[in-house]
Amino acid sequence: MDKETIKRNYEAVKKRLDELDPSGKVTLLAATKTQSVEDINYLISLGVNAIGENRVNELTEKYDLYDKRASVHFIGTLQKNKVKYIIDKVDLIHSVDSISLLEEIDRRAESKGKIMNVLVEVNSAKEEAKGGVMPEDVCGFVEKARKFPSVYVKGLMTMGPKCENKEEYLKYFLITKQLFDKIFYGDKDAVLSMGMSDSYEYAVKAGATLVRVGSAIFGERKYL
């Protein structure tokens, strides 16, 4: 996509976010899966300060070329054997949903002398084919996660199901928001990551503090 279109799309998304969130508290994270470093860095130059990759190999290939003004997040499913490749590169992992993954993150973070920020993924629609912790198990899972010394549980994340009627997104986002309020009450720095290109408006209405937007900025992905 040409830079003028990226700029126009970004400004449209930013304008809508400003309308929904006049306080400016919601972080716009650019989901950069399959996008070129040139386009990513151009978007950062426009003011985006957080980017997220879904794939470990893409992140490691692009990492040294990223404009370092932006925070780098990992937002995809993370396999335990891939943790070592990103532990020193990302500021936040969005998709933690098992104790075994936490154990590996904690071990790798300790070896680097850092505390790794993570979000616990909530399977808000209880979809069997998707990852995430079931809503009724989230409080107990967070309690266990907080015992790992090199891991800091910064908040929650949810994907939500694909909804033909977009207003249905609210139901699933509110499930996660209620858990977030219960667990992170009073923590002004806690992160609630919800919503993508087709649902970020409803995520903000439900109380998201971060939205992950890709195709609404870059256009539909082109897969090789």
C-alpha atoms as a PDB file:
ATOM      1  CA  MET A   1       0.000   0.000   0.000  1.00  0.00           C
ATOM      2  CA  ASP A   2       1.276   3.487  -0.809  1.00  0.00           C
ATOM      3  CA  LYS A   3       2.252   5.807   2.017  1.00  0.00           C
ATOM      4  CA  GLU A   4      -0.476   8.342   1.330  1.00  0.00           C
ATOM      5  CA  THR A   5      -3.151   5.663   1.807  1.00  0.00           C
ATOM      6  CA  ILE A   6      -1.512   4.419   4.993  1.00  0.00           C
ATOM      7  CA  LYS A   7      -1.460   7.976   6.319  1.00  0.00           C
ATOM      8  CA  ARG A   8      -5.087   8.563   5.377  1.00  0.00           C
ATOM      9  CA  ASN A   9      -6.205   5.287   6.987  1.00  0.00           C
ATOM     10  CA  TYR A  10      -4.200   5.939  10.140  1.00  0.00           C
ATOM     11  CA  GLU A  11      -5.632   9.426  10.512  1.00  0.00           C
ATOM     12  CA  ALA A  12      -9.171   8.050  10.084  1.00  0.00           C
ATOM     13  CA  VAL A  13      -8.635   5.436  12.798  1.00  0.00           C
ATOM     14  CA  LYS A  14      -6.992   7.986  15.084  1.00  0.00           C
ATOM     15  CA  LYS A  15      -9.851  10.434  14.577  1.00  0.00           C
ATOM     16  CA  ARG A  16     -12.397   7.758  15.472  1.00  0.00           C
ATOM     17  CA  LEU A  17     -10.428   6.787  18.568  1.00  0.00           C
ATOM     18  CA  ASP A  18     -10.281  10.434  19.639  1.00  0.00           C
ATOM     19  CA  GLU A  19     -14.065  10.637  19.263  1.00  0.00           C
ATOM     20  CA  LEU A  20     -14.586   7.503  21.347  1.00  0.00           C
ATOM     21  CA  ASP A  21     -11.878   8.341  23.878  1.00  0.00           C
ATOM     22  CA  PRO A  22     -11.448  12.122  24.231  1.00  0.00           C
ATOM     23  CA  SER A  23      -9.095  11.575  27.170  1.00  0.00           C
ATOM     24  CA  GLY A  24      -6.582   9.896  24.871  1.00  0.00           C
ATOM     25  CA  LYS A  25      -5.991   7.010  27.292  1.00  0.00           C
ATOM     26  CA  VAL A  26      -6.417   4.222  24.727  1.00  0.00           C
ATOM     27  CA  THR A  27      -3.219   3.043  23.061  1.00  0.00           C
ATOM     28  CA  LEU A  28      -3.369   2.320  19.336  1.00  0.00           C
ATOM     29  CA  LEU A  29      -1.168  -0.666  18.572  1.00  0.00           C
ATOM     30  CA  ALA A  30      -0.459  -1.292  14.882  1.00  0.00           C
ATOM     31  CA  ALA A  31      -0.725  -5.007  14.064  1.00  0.00           C
ATOM     32  CA  THR A  32       2.095  -5.404  11.566  1.00  0.00           C
ATOM     33  CA  LYS A  33       1.826  -9.023  10.430  1.00  0.00           C
ATOM     34  CA  THR A  34       3.116  -9.369   6.802  1.00  0.00           C
ATOM     35  CA  GLN A  35       3.848  -5.631   6.570  1.00  0.00           C
ATOM     36  CA  SER A  36       7.183  -4.289   5.314  1.00  0.00           C
ATOM     37  CA  VAL A  37       9.619  -2.583   7.674  1.00  0.00           C
ATOM     38  CA  GLU A  38       9.438   0.486   5.442  1.00  0.00           C
ATOM     39  CA  ASP A  39       5.677   0.808   5.927  1.00  0.00           C
ATOM     40  CA  ILE A  40       5.916   0.036   9.646  1.00  0.00           C
ATOM     41  CA  ASN A  41       8.562   2.691  10.213  1.00  0.00           C
ATOM     42  CA  TYR A  42       6.572   5.200   8.178  1.00  0.00           C
ATOM     43  CA  LEU A  43       3.593   4.601  10.452  1.00  0.00           C
ATOM     44  CA  ILE A  44       5.796   5.066  13.511  1.00  0.00           C
ATOM     45  CA  SER A  45       6.966   8.385  12.049  1.00  0.00           C
ATOM     46  CA  LEU A  46       3.309   9.481  11.954  1.00  0.00           C
ATOM     47  CA  GLY A  47       2.977   8.940  15.691  1.00  0.00           C
ATOM     48  CA  VAL A  48       2.205   5.256  16.359  1.00  0.00           C
ATOM     49  CA  ASN A  49       4.196   4.270  19.438  1.00  0.00           C
ATOM     50  CA  ALA A  50       3.332   0.565  19.724  1.00  0.00           C
ATOM     51  CA  ILE A  51       3.566  -2.216  17.143  1.00  0.00           C
ATOM     52  CA  GLY A  52       2.658  -5.876  17.434  1.00  0.00           C
ATOM     53  CA  GLU A  53       3.828  -8.945  15.569  1.00  0.00           C
ATOM     54  CA  ASN A  54       1.991 -12.280  15.422  1.00  0.00           C
ATOM     55  CA  ARG A  55       4.854 -14.468  14.266  1.00  0.00           C
ATOM     56  CA  VAL A  56       8.206 -15.031  15.932  1.00  0.00           C
ATOM     57  CA  ASN A  57      10.122 -15.405  12.674  1.00  0.00           C
ATOM     58  CA  GLU A  58       8.744 -12.134  11.312  1.00  0.00           C
ATOM     59  CA  LEU A  59       9.568 -10.294  14.496  1.00  0.00           C
ATOM     60  CA  THR A  60      13.158 -11.528  14.621  1.00  0.00           C
ATOM     61  CA  GLU A  61      13.727 -10.779  10.928  1.00  0.00           C
ATOM     62  CA  LYS A  62      12.430  -7.222  11.219  1.00  0.00           C
ATOM     63  CA  TYR A  63      13.548  -6.331  14.732  1.00  0.00           C
ATOM     64  CA  ASP A  64      16.911  -4.681  14.039  1.00  0.00           C
ATOM     65  CA  LEU A  65      15.304  -2.507  11.356  1.00  0.00           C
ATOM     66  CA  TYR A  66      12.388  -1.205  13.432  1.00  0.00           C
ATOM     67  CA  ASP A  67      12.273   2.471  14.323  1.00  0.00           C
ATOM     68  CA  LYS A  68      13.098   2.166  18.034  1.00  0.00           C
ATOM     69  CA  ARG A  69      10.709   4.954  19.003  1.00  0.00           C
ATOM     70  CA  ALA A  70       7.931   2.345  19.120  1.00  0.00           C
ATOM     71  CA  SER A  71       7.342  -0.280  21.769  1.00  0.00           C
ATOM     72  CA  VAL A  72       7.365  -3.832  20.339  1.00  0.00           C
ATOM     73  CA  HIS A  73       4.717  -6.325  21.474  1.00  0.00           C
ATOM     74  CA  PHE A  74       4.130  -9.977  20.635  1.00  0.00           C
ATOM     75  CA  ILE A  75       0.418 -10.479  20.027  1.00  0.00           C
ATOM     76  CA  GLY A  76       0.169 -13.954  18.479  1.00  0.00           C
ATOM     77  CA  THR A  77       0.110 -17.475  19.851  1.00  0.00           C
ATOM     78  CA  LEU A  78       3.485 -18.164  21.434  1.00  0.00           C
ATOM     79  CA  GLN A  79       5.021 -21.628  21.538  1.00  0.00           C
ATOM     80  CA  LYS A  80       7.296 -22.434  24.458  1.00  0.00           C
ATOM     81  CA  ASN A  81      10.242 -23.284  22.213  1.00  0.00           C
ATOM     82  CA  LYS A  82      10.060 -19.822  20.609  1.00  0.00           C
ATOM     83  CA  VAL A  83      10.167 -17.767  23.803  1.00  0.00           C
ATOM     84  CA  LYS A  84      13.971 -17.603  23.753  1.00  0.00           C
ATOM     85  CA  TYR A  85      13.926 -15.770  20.417  1.00  0.00           C
ATOM     86  CA  ILE A  86      11.807 -12.836  21.591  1.00  0.00           C
ATOM     87  CA  ILE A  87      12.401 -12.521  25.333  1.00  0.00           C
ATOM     88  CA  ASP A  88      14.990  -9.755  24.889  1.00  0.00           C
ATOM     89  CA  LYS A  89      13.120  -8.008  22.073  1.00  0.00           C
ATOM     90  CA  VAL A  90       9.560  -7.357  23.213  1.00  0.00           C
ATOM     91  CA  ASP A  91       8.081  -5.127  25.891  1.00  0.00           C
ATOM     92  CA  LEU A  92       4.837  -7.060  26.316  1.00  0.00           C
ATOM     93  CA  ILE A  93       3.538 -10.541  25.473  1.00  0.00           C
ATOM     94  CA  HIS A  94      -0.231 -10.502  24.951  1.00  0.00           C
ATOM     95  CA  SER A  95      -1.162 -14.164  24.737  1.00  0.00           C
ATOM     96  CA  VAL A  96      -0.236 -16.089  27.893  1.00  0.00           C
ATOM     97  CA  ASP A  97      -2.669 -18.890  28.623  1.00  0.00           C
ATOM     98  CA  SER A  98      -0.787 -21.741  30.315  1.00  0.00           C
ATOM     99  CA  ILE A  99       1.388 -22.273  33.348  1.00  0.00           C
ATOM    100  CA  SER A 100       3.954 -24.138  31.254  1.00  0.00           C
ATOM    101  CA  LEU A 101       4.342 -21.087  29.002  1.00  0.00           C
ATOM    102  CA  LEU A 102       4.706 -18.863  32.065  1.00  0.00           C
ATOM    103  CA  GLU A 103       7.414 -21.172  33.408  1.00  0.00           C
ATOM    104  CA  GLU A 104       9.389 -20.818  30.189  1.00  0.00           C
ATOM    105  CA  ILE A 105       8.933 -17.043  30.032  1.00  0.00           C
ATOM    106  CA  ASP A 106      10.030 -16.758  33.659  1.00  0.00           C
ATOM    107  CA  ARG A 107      13.117 -18.922  33.054  1.00  0.00           C
ATOM    108  CA  ARG A 108      14.174 -17.046  29.934  1.00  0.00           C
ATOM    109  CA  ALA A 109      13.501 -13.635  31.476  1.00  0.00           C
ATOM    110  CA  GLU A 110      15.575 -14.519  34.539  1.00  0.00           C
ATOM    111  CA  SER A 111      18.465 -15.539  32.288  1.00  0.00           C
ATOM    112  CA  LYS A 112      18.350 -12.063  30.709  1.00  0.00           C
ATOM    113  CA  GLY A 113      18.035 -10.284  34.039  1.00  0.00           C
ATOM    114  CA  LYS A 114      14.669  -8.753  33.197  1.00  0.00           C
ATOM    115  CA  ILE A 115      11.053  -8.806  34.276  1.00  0.00           C
ATOM    116  CA  MET A 116       8.802  -9.772  31.363  1.00  0.00           C
ATOM    117  CA  ASN A 117       5.453  -8.001  31.121  1.00  0.00           C
ATOM    118  CA  VAL A 118       2.613 -10.292  30.054  1.00  0.00           C
ATOM    119  CA  LEU A 119      -1.128 -10.237  29.506  1.00  0.00           C
ATOM    120  CA  VAL A 120      -3.297 -13.218  30.341  1.00  0.00           C
ATOM    121  CA  GLU A 121      -5.438 -14.190  27.354  1.00  0.00           C
ATOM    122  CA  VAL A 122      -9.115 -14.720  28.151  1.00  0.00           C
ATOM    123  CA  ASN A 123     -11.196 -17.067  26.001  1.00  0.00           C
ATOM    124  CA  SER A 124     -14.227 -14.842  26.478  1.00  0.00           C
ATOM    125  CA  ALA A 125     -16.504 -16.877  24.168  1.00  0.00           C
ATOM    126  CA  LYS A 126     -15.272 -20.279  25.419  1.00  0.00           C
ATOM    127  CA  GLU A 127     -14.327 -21.331  21.881  1.00  0.00           C
ATOM    128  CA  GLU A 128     -12.786 -24.796  21.802  1.00  0.00           C
ATOM    129  CA  ALA A 129     -10.592 -24.032  18.782  1.00  0.00           C
ATOM    130  CA  LYS A 130      -9.027 -20.957  20.369  1.00  0.00           C
ATOM    131  CA  GLY A 131      -6.465 -20.447  23.084  1.00  0.00           C
ATOM    132  CA  GLY A 132      -7.005 -18.489  26.245  1.00  0.00           C
ATOM    133  CA  VAL A 133      -8.030 -19.116  29.820  1.00  0.00           C
ATOM    134  CA  MET A 134     -11.720 -19.764  30.441  1.00  0.00           C
ATOM    135  CA  PRO A 135     -13.377 -16.785  32.187  1.00  0.00           C
ATOM    136  CA  GLU A 136     -14.180 -18.745  35.329  1.00  0.00           C
ATOM    137  CA  ASP A 137     -10.509 -19.753  35.679  1.00  0.00           C
ATOM    138  CA  VAL A 138      -8.901 -16.356  35.049  1.00  0.00           C
ATOM    139  CA  CYS A 139      -8.718 -15.114  38.653  1.00  0.00           C
ATOM    140  CA  GLY A 140      -7.026 -18.304  39.828  1.00  0.00           C
ATOM    141  CA  PHE A 141      -4.673 -18.301  36.849  1.00  0.00           C
ATOM    142  CA  VAL A 142      -3.565 -14.712  37.493  1.00  0.00           C
ATOM    143  CA  GLU A 143      -2.965 -15.560  41.157  1.00  0.00           C
ATOM    144  CA  LYS A 144      -0.612 -18.380  40.099  1.00  0.00           C
ATOM    145  CA  ALA A 145       1.048 -16.219  37.430  1.00  0.00           C
ATOM    146  CA  ARG A 146       1.878 -13.531  39.963  1.00  0.00           C
ATOM    147  CA  LYS A 147       4.096 -15.985  41.838  1.00  0.00           C
ATOM    148  CA  PHE A 148       6.679 -16.118  39.046  1.00  0.00           C
ATOM    149  CA  PRO A 149       9.482 -13.711  40.046  1.00  0.00           C
ATOM    150  CA  SER A 150      10.574 -12.740  36.518  1.00  0.00           C
ATOM    151  CA  VAL A 151       7.054 -12.247  35.157  1.00  0.00           C
ATOM    152  CA  TYR A 152       4.802  -9.239  35.717  1.00  0.00           C
ATOM    153  CA  VAL A 153       1.120  -9.697  34.913  1.00  0.00           C
ATOM    154  CA  LYS A 154       0.218  -6.335  33.466  1.00  0.00           C
ATOM    155  CA  GLY A 155      -3.372  -7.067  32.448  1.00  0.00           C
ATOM    156  CA  LEU A 156      -5.698  -9.106  30.270  1.00  0.00           C
ATOM    157  CA  MET A 157      -6.246  -9.682  26.563  1.00  0.00           C
ATOM    158  CA  THR A 158      -9.086 -11.200  24.578  1.00  0.00           C
ATOM    159  CA  MET A 159      -9.670 -11.970  20.920  1.00  0.00           C
ATOM    160  CA  GLY A 160     -13.406 -12.596  20.986  1.00  0.00           C
ATOM    161  CA  PRO A 161     -15.277 -14.530  18.289  1.00  0.00           C
ATOM    162  CA  LYS A 162     -15.982 -13.290  14.787  1.00  0.00           C
ATOM    163  CA  CYS A 163     -19.356 -11.533  14.979  1.00  0.00           C
ATOM    164  CA  GLU A 164     -21.503 -10.778  11.942  1.00  0.00           C
ATOM    165  CA  ASN A 165     -23.520  -8.356  14.040  1.00  0.00           C
ATOM    166  CA  LYS A 166     -20.745  -6.136  15.368  1.00  0.00           C
ATOM    167  CA  GLU A 167     -22.728  -5.077  18.428  1.00  0.00           C
ATOM    168  CA  GLU A 168     -22.332  -8.655  19.682  1.00  0.00           C
ATOM    169  CA  TYR A 169     -18.639  -7.925  20.278  1.00  0.00           C
ATOM    170  CA  LEU A 170     -19.660  -5.873  23.291  1.00  0.00           C
ATOM    171  CA  LYS A 171     -20.902  -8.959  25.137  1.00  0.00           C
ATOM    172  CA  TYR A 172     -17.529 -10.690  24.946  1.00  0.00           C
ATOM    173  CA  PHE A 173     -15.493  -7.587  25.624  1.00  0.00           C
ATOM    174  CA  LEU A 174     -17.567  -6.824  28.708  1.00  0.00           C
ATOM    175  CA  ILE A 175     -16.895 -10.329  30.078  1.00  0.00           C
ATOM    176  CA  THR A 176     -13.178  -9.573  29.972  1.00  0.00           C
ATOM    177  CA  LYS A 177     -13.654  -6.016  31.278  1.00  0.00           C
ATOM    178  CA  GLN A 178     -15.502  -7.299  34.337  1.00  0.00           C
ATOM    179  CA  LEU A 179     -12.634  -9.677  35.104  1.00  0.00           C
ATOM    180  CA  PHE A 180     -10.131  -6.894  34.505  1.00  0.00           C
ATOM    181  CA  ASP A 181     -11.919  -4.582  36.945  1.00  0.00           C
ATOM    182  CA  LYS A 182     -12.035  -7.314  39.566  1.00  0.00           C
ATOM    183  CA  ILE A 183      -8.361  -8.281  39.298  1.00  0.00           C
ATOM    184  CA  PHE A 184      -6.690  -4.957  38.503  1.00  0.00           C
ATOM    185  CA  TYR A 185      -8.965  -2.536  40.375  1.00  0.00           C
ATOM    186  CA  GLY A 186      -7.084   0.678  41.130  1.00  0.00           C
ATOM    187  CA  ASP A 187      -4.079  -0.164  38.942  1.00  0.00           C
ATOM    188  CA  LYS A 188      -3.895   2.794  36.576  1.00  0.00           C
ATOM    189  CA  ASP A 189      -1.072   1.204  34.564  1.00  0.00           C
ATOM    190  CA  ALA A 190      -2.863  -2.088  33.923  1.00  0.00           C
ATOM    191  CA  VAL A 191      -3.537  -2.988  30.272  1.00  0.00           C
ATOM    192  CA  LEU A 192      -6.774  -4.319  28.793  1.00  0.00           C
ATOM    193  CA  SER A 193      -6.019  -5.357  25.205  1.00  0.00           C
ATOM    194  CA  MET A 194      -9.216  -5.873  23.196  1.00  0.00           C
ATOM    195  CA  GLY A 195     -10.462  -5.208  19.698  1.00  0.00           C
ATOM    196  CA  MET A 196      -9.074  -5.349  16.179  1.00  0.00           C
ATOM    197  CA  SER A 197      -9.840  -3.552  12.923  1.00  0.00           C
ATOM    198  CA  ASP A 198     -13.451  -4.708  12.743  1.00  0.00           C
ATOM    199  CA  SER A 199     -14.198  -4.363  16.445  1.00  0.00           C
ATOM    200  CA  TYR A 200     -11.990  -1.718  18.048  1.00  0.00           C
ATOM    201  CA  GLU A 201     -14.858   0.763  18.383  1.00  0.00           C
ATOM    202  CA  TYR A 202     -16.806  -1.687  20.539  1.00  0.00           C
ATOM    203  CA  ALA A 203     -13.680  -2.555  22.504  1.00  0.00           C
ATOM    204  CA  VAL A 204     -13.184   1.101  23.432  1.00  0.00           C
ATOM    205  CA  LYS A 205     -16.834   1.394  24.412  1.00  0.00           C
ATOM    206  CA  ALA A 206     -16.354  -1.644  26.668  1.00  0.00           C
ATOM    207  CA  GLY A 207     -13.303  -0.123  28.354  1.00  0.00           C
ATOM    208  CA  ALA A 208     -10.228  -1.332  26.441  1.00  0.00           C
ATOM    209  CA  THR A 209      -7.000   0.525  27.164  1.00  0.00           C
ATOM    210  CA  LEU A 210      -5.286  -0.848  24.033  1.00  0.00           C
ATOM    211  CA  VAL A 211      -6.631  -1.819  20.602  1.00  0.00           C
ATOM    212  CA  ARG A 212      -4.793  -3.865  17.955  1.00  0.00           C
ATOM    213  CA  VAL A 213      -5.457  -2.468  14.479  1.00  0.00           C
ATOM    214  CA  GLY A 214      -3.922  -3.823  11.279  1.00  0.00           C
ATOM    215  CA  SER A 215      -6.005  -4.011   8.105  1.00  0.00           C
ATOM    216  CA  ALA A 216      -7.899  -0.779   8.861  1.00  0.00           C
ATOM    217  CA  ILE A 217      -4.529   0.969   8.493  1.00  0.00           C
ATOM    218  CA  PHE A 218      -2.538  -1.188   6.087  1.00  0.00           C
ATOM    219  CA  GLY A 219      -5.380  -2.683   4.035  1.00  0.00           C
ATOM    220  CA  GLU A 220      -6.102  -6.376   3.686  1.00  0.00           C
ATOM    221  CA  ARG A 221      -3.027  -8.550   4.157  1.00  0.00           C
ATOM    222  CA  LYS A 222      -1.375 -10.095   1.118  1.00  0.00           C
ATOM    223  CA  TYR A 223      -0.035 -13.583   1.816  1.00  0.00           C
ATOM    224  CA  LEU A 224       2.728 -15.064  -0.297  1.00  0.00           C
END
